[in-house]
Amino acid sequence: MLRFLATTVMKPFQSTGLASATSSTTSFVGNYLFQACFARGMGSKSCIKTNKGVAKRFRIRKSGSIKRNHAGTRHNTGYLKRGRNNSLAKSTGVSGKKHEKRMRLLLNNK
């Protein structure tokens, strides 16, 4: 499979001389795939996939800060005071520069 992929990928480059005869087909395919991946990311954090768990839990506000929901509202809320329940229902931001930086990386937001 890899050899077939290498030959189909190398055909456009053979006429231009970009595929050298000394390099093996597997390394060429690896380099080609790396370059394609690099071009997709435009050189910055290339090929980092969005973490879907983080994408479901966090949103980026218009101002650029990261929004999240409070924990503790799924069940057993009958004994909580109304004010506590209402305050847990509101969203809040991510506190801490390092946490925010990590969330941005997982959200694939440059």
C-alpha atoms as a PDB file:
ATOM      1  CA  MET A   1       0.000   0.000   0.000  1.00  0.00           C
ATOM      2  CA  LEU A   2       2.785   2.376   0.947  1.00  0.00           C
ATOM      3  CA  ARG A   3       4.697   1.675  -2.247  1.00  0.00           C
ATOM      4  CA  PHE A   4       1.558   2.353  -4.334  1.00  0.00           C
ATOM      5  CA  LEU A   5       0.985   5.596  -2.442  1.00  0.00           C
ATOM      6  CA  ALA A   6       4.610   6.572  -2.949  1.00  0.00           C
ATOM      7  CA  THR A   7       4.497   6.016  -6.684  1.00  0.00           C
ATOM      8  CA  THR A   8       1.246   7.913  -7.128  1.00  0.00           C
ATOM      9  CA  VAL A   9       2.492  10.776  -4.986  1.00  0.00           C
ATOM     10  CA  MET A  10       5.915  10.927  -6.659  1.00  0.00           C
ATOM     11  CA  LYS A  11       4.670  11.122 -10.270  1.00  0.00           C
ATOM     12  CA  PRO A  12       4.177  14.917 -10.327  1.00  0.00           C
ATOM     13  CA  PHE A  13       7.570  15.464  -8.710  1.00  0.00           C
ATOM     14  CA  GLN A  14       9.641  13.163 -10.934  1.00  0.00           C
ATOM     15  CA  SER A  15       9.515  15.504 -13.914  1.00  0.00           C
ATOM     16  CA  THR A  16      10.612  18.469 -11.796  1.00  0.00           C
ATOM     17  CA  GLY A  17      13.489  16.597 -10.173  1.00  0.00           C
ATOM     18  CA  LEU A  18      12.239  17.132  -6.637  1.00  0.00           C
ATOM     19  CA  ALA A  19      12.194  13.414  -5.887  1.00  0.00           C
ATOM     20  CA  SER A  20      15.812  12.317  -5.685  1.00  0.00           C
ATOM     21  CA  ALA A  21      16.721   8.774  -6.633  1.00  0.00           C
ATOM     22  CA  THR A  22      18.723   8.295  -3.444  1.00  0.00           C
ATOM     23  CA  SER A  23      15.829   8.853  -1.042  1.00  0.00           C
ATOM     24  CA  SER A  24      13.660   5.853  -0.306  1.00  0.00           C
ATOM     25  CA  THR A  25       9.986   5.902  -1.182  1.00  0.00           C
ATOM     26  CA  THR A  26       8.886   5.577   2.438  1.00  0.00           C
ATOM     27  CA  SER A  27      10.868   8.593   3.590  1.00  0.00           C
ATOM     28  CA  PHE A  28       9.561  10.578   0.650  1.00  0.00           C
ATOM     29  CA  VAL A  29       5.970   9.696   1.545  1.00  0.00           C
ATOM     30  CA  GLY A  30       6.659  10.607   5.157  1.00  0.00           C
ATOM     31  CA  ASN A  31       8.141  13.961   4.129  1.00  0.00           C
ATOM     32  CA  TYR A  32       5.298  14.620   1.707  1.00  0.00           C
ATOM     33  CA  LEU A  33       2.654  13.887   4.315  1.00  0.00           C
ATOM     34  CA  PHE A  34       4.510  16.054   6.835  1.00  0.00           C
ATOM     35  CA  GLN A  35       4.646  18.925   4.354  1.00  0.00           C
ATOM     36  CA  ALA A  36       0.948  18.571   3.577  1.00  0.00           C
ATOM     37  CA  CYS A  37       0.191  18.593   7.282  1.00  0.00           C
ATOM     38  CA  PHE A  38       2.478  21.611   7.743  1.00  0.00           C
ATOM     39  CA  ALA A  39       0.733  23.524   4.947  1.00  0.00           C
ATOM     40  CA  ARG A  40      -2.681  22.810   6.458  1.00  0.00           C
ATOM     41  CA  GLY A  41      -1.643  24.359   9.739  1.00  0.00           C
ATOM     42  CA  MET A  42       0.281  27.130   7.956  1.00  0.00           C
ATOM     43  CA  GLY A  43       3.298  26.468  10.145  1.00  0.00           C
ATOM     44  CA  SER A  44       1.648  27.249  13.448  1.00  0.00           C
ATOM     45  CA  LYS A  45       0.567  24.377  15.689  1.00  0.00           C
ATOM     46  CA  SER A  46       0.154  22.209  12.619  1.00  0.00           C
ATOM     47  CA  CYS A  47      -2.056  19.155  12.755  1.00  0.00           C
ATOM     48  CA  ILE A  48      -3.194  19.548  16.342  1.00  0.00           C
ATOM     49  CA  LYS A  49      -6.705  18.190  16.404  1.00  0.00           C
ATOM     50  CA  THR A  50      -9.399  19.859  18.462  1.00  0.00           C
ATOM     51  CA  ASN A  51     -10.046  17.983  21.688  1.00  0.00           C
ATOM     52  CA  LYS A  52     -13.748  17.181  21.401  1.00  0.00           C
ATOM     53  CA  GLY A  53     -14.246  16.826  25.161  1.00  0.00           C
ATOM     54  CA  VAL A  54     -12.929  20.337  25.677  1.00  0.00           C
ATOM     55  CA  ALA A  55     -14.931  21.654  22.710  1.00  0.00           C
ATOM     56  CA  LYS A  56     -18.153  20.440  24.344  1.00  0.00           C
ATOM     57  CA  ARG A  57     -17.371  22.041  27.709  1.00  0.00           C
ATOM     58  CA  PHE A  58     -15.742  25.369  26.828  1.00  0.00           C
ATOM     59  CA  ARG A  59     -16.596  28.227  24.467  1.00  0.00           C
ATOM     60  CA  ILE A  60     -14.628  31.285  23.435  1.00  0.00           C
ATOM     61  CA  ARG A  61     -16.425  34.542  24.073  1.00  0.00           C
ATOM     62  CA  LYS A  62     -16.406  37.444  21.647  1.00  0.00           C
ATOM     63  CA  SER A  63     -13.938  39.226  23.920  1.00  0.00           C
ATOM     64  CA  GLY A  64     -11.554  36.258  23.631  1.00  0.00           C
ATOM     65  CA  SER A  65     -11.946  34.907  27.150  1.00  0.00           C
ATOM     66  CA  ILE A  66     -12.976  31.313  27.687  1.00  0.00           C
ATOM     67  CA  LYS A  67     -16.394  30.510  29.112  1.00  0.00           C
ATOM     68  CA  ARG A  68     -17.295  27.424  31.154  1.00  0.00           C
ATOM     69  CA  ASN A  69     -20.207  26.161  33.247  1.00  0.00           C
ATOM     70  CA  HIS A  70     -20.181  25.390  36.977  1.00  0.00           C
ATOM     71  CA  ALA A  71     -20.152  21.834  38.254  1.00  0.00           C
ATOM     72  CA  GLY A  72     -22.657  20.399  40.711  1.00  0.00           C
ATOM     73  CA  THR A  73     -25.946  21.078  38.940  1.00  0.00           C
ATOM     74  CA  ARG A  74     -26.767  17.662  37.417  1.00  0.00           C
ATOM     75  CA  HIS A  75     -28.506  15.934  40.336  1.00  0.00           C
ATOM     76  CA  ASN A  76     -29.076  16.146  44.114  1.00  0.00           C
ATOM     77  CA  THR A  77     -29.828  19.860  43.938  1.00  0.00           C
ATOM     78  CA  GLY A  78     -33.029  19.620  45.975  1.00  0.00           C
ATOM     79  CA  TYR A  79     -31.300  20.411  49.254  1.00  0.00           C
ATOM     80  CA  LEU A  80     -29.413  23.421  47.902  1.00  0.00           C
ATOM     81  CA  LYS A  81     -30.553  26.948  48.707  1.00  0.00           C
ATOM     82  CA  ARG A  82     -32.158  28.776  45.808  1.00  0.00           C
ATOM     83  CA  GLY A  83     -29.385  31.373  45.684  1.00  0.00           C
ATOM     84  CA  ARG A  84     -26.700  28.684  45.536  1.00  0.00           C
ATOM     85  CA  ASN A  85     -28.519  26.856  42.739  1.00  0.00           C
ATOM     86  CA  ASN A  86     -29.013  30.085  40.774  1.00  0.00           C
ATOM     87  CA  SER A  87     -25.366  31.080  41.123  1.00  0.00           C
ATOM     88  CA  LEU A  88     -24.241  27.641  39.933  1.00  0.00           C
ATOM     89  CA  ALA A  89     -26.483  28.012  36.867  1.00  0.00           C
ATOM     90  CA  LYS A  90     -24.529  31.047  35.630  1.00  0.00           C
ATOM     91  CA  SER A  91     -21.456  30.588  33.470  1.00  0.00           C
ATOM     92  CA  THR A  92     -18.024  31.799  34.463  1.00  0.00           C
ATOM     93  CA  GLY A  93     -14.607  32.218  32.921  1.00  0.00           C
ATOM     94  CA  VAL A  94     -11.486  30.100  33.162  1.00  0.00           C
ATOM     95  CA  SER A  95      -9.228  31.505  35.873  1.00  0.00           C
ATOM     96  CA  GLY A  96      -5.482  31.429  35.487  1.00  0.00           C
ATOM     97  CA  LYS A  97      -3.276  32.209  32.527  1.00  0.00           C
ATOM     98  CA  LYS A  98      -1.827  28.715  32.298  1.00  0.00           C
ATOM     99  CA  HIS A  99      -5.248  27.056  32.338  1.00  0.00           C
ATOM    100  CA  GLU A 100      -6.506  29.417  29.656  1.00  0.00           C
ATOM    101  CA  LYS A 101      -3.433  28.809  27.509  1.00  0.00           C
ATOM    102  CA  ARG A 102      -3.924  25.042  27.811  1.00  0.00           C
ATOM    103  CA  MET A 103      -7.612  25.302  26.894  1.00  0.00           C
ATOM    104  CA  ARG A 104      -6.766  27.389  23.830  1.00  0.00           C
ATOM    105  CA  LEU A 105      -4.267  24.769  22.721  1.00  0.00           C
ATOM    106  CA  LEU A 106      -6.838  21.979  23.153  1.00  0.00           C
ATOM    107  CA  LEU A 107      -9.484  24.030  21.339  1.00  0.00           C
ATOM    108  CA  ASN A 108      -6.970  24.608  18.530  1.00  0.00           C
ATOM    109  CA  ASN A 109      -7.531  28.355  18.811  1.00  0.00           C
ATOM    110  CA  LYS A 110      -4.425  30.306  17.893  1.00  0.00           C
END
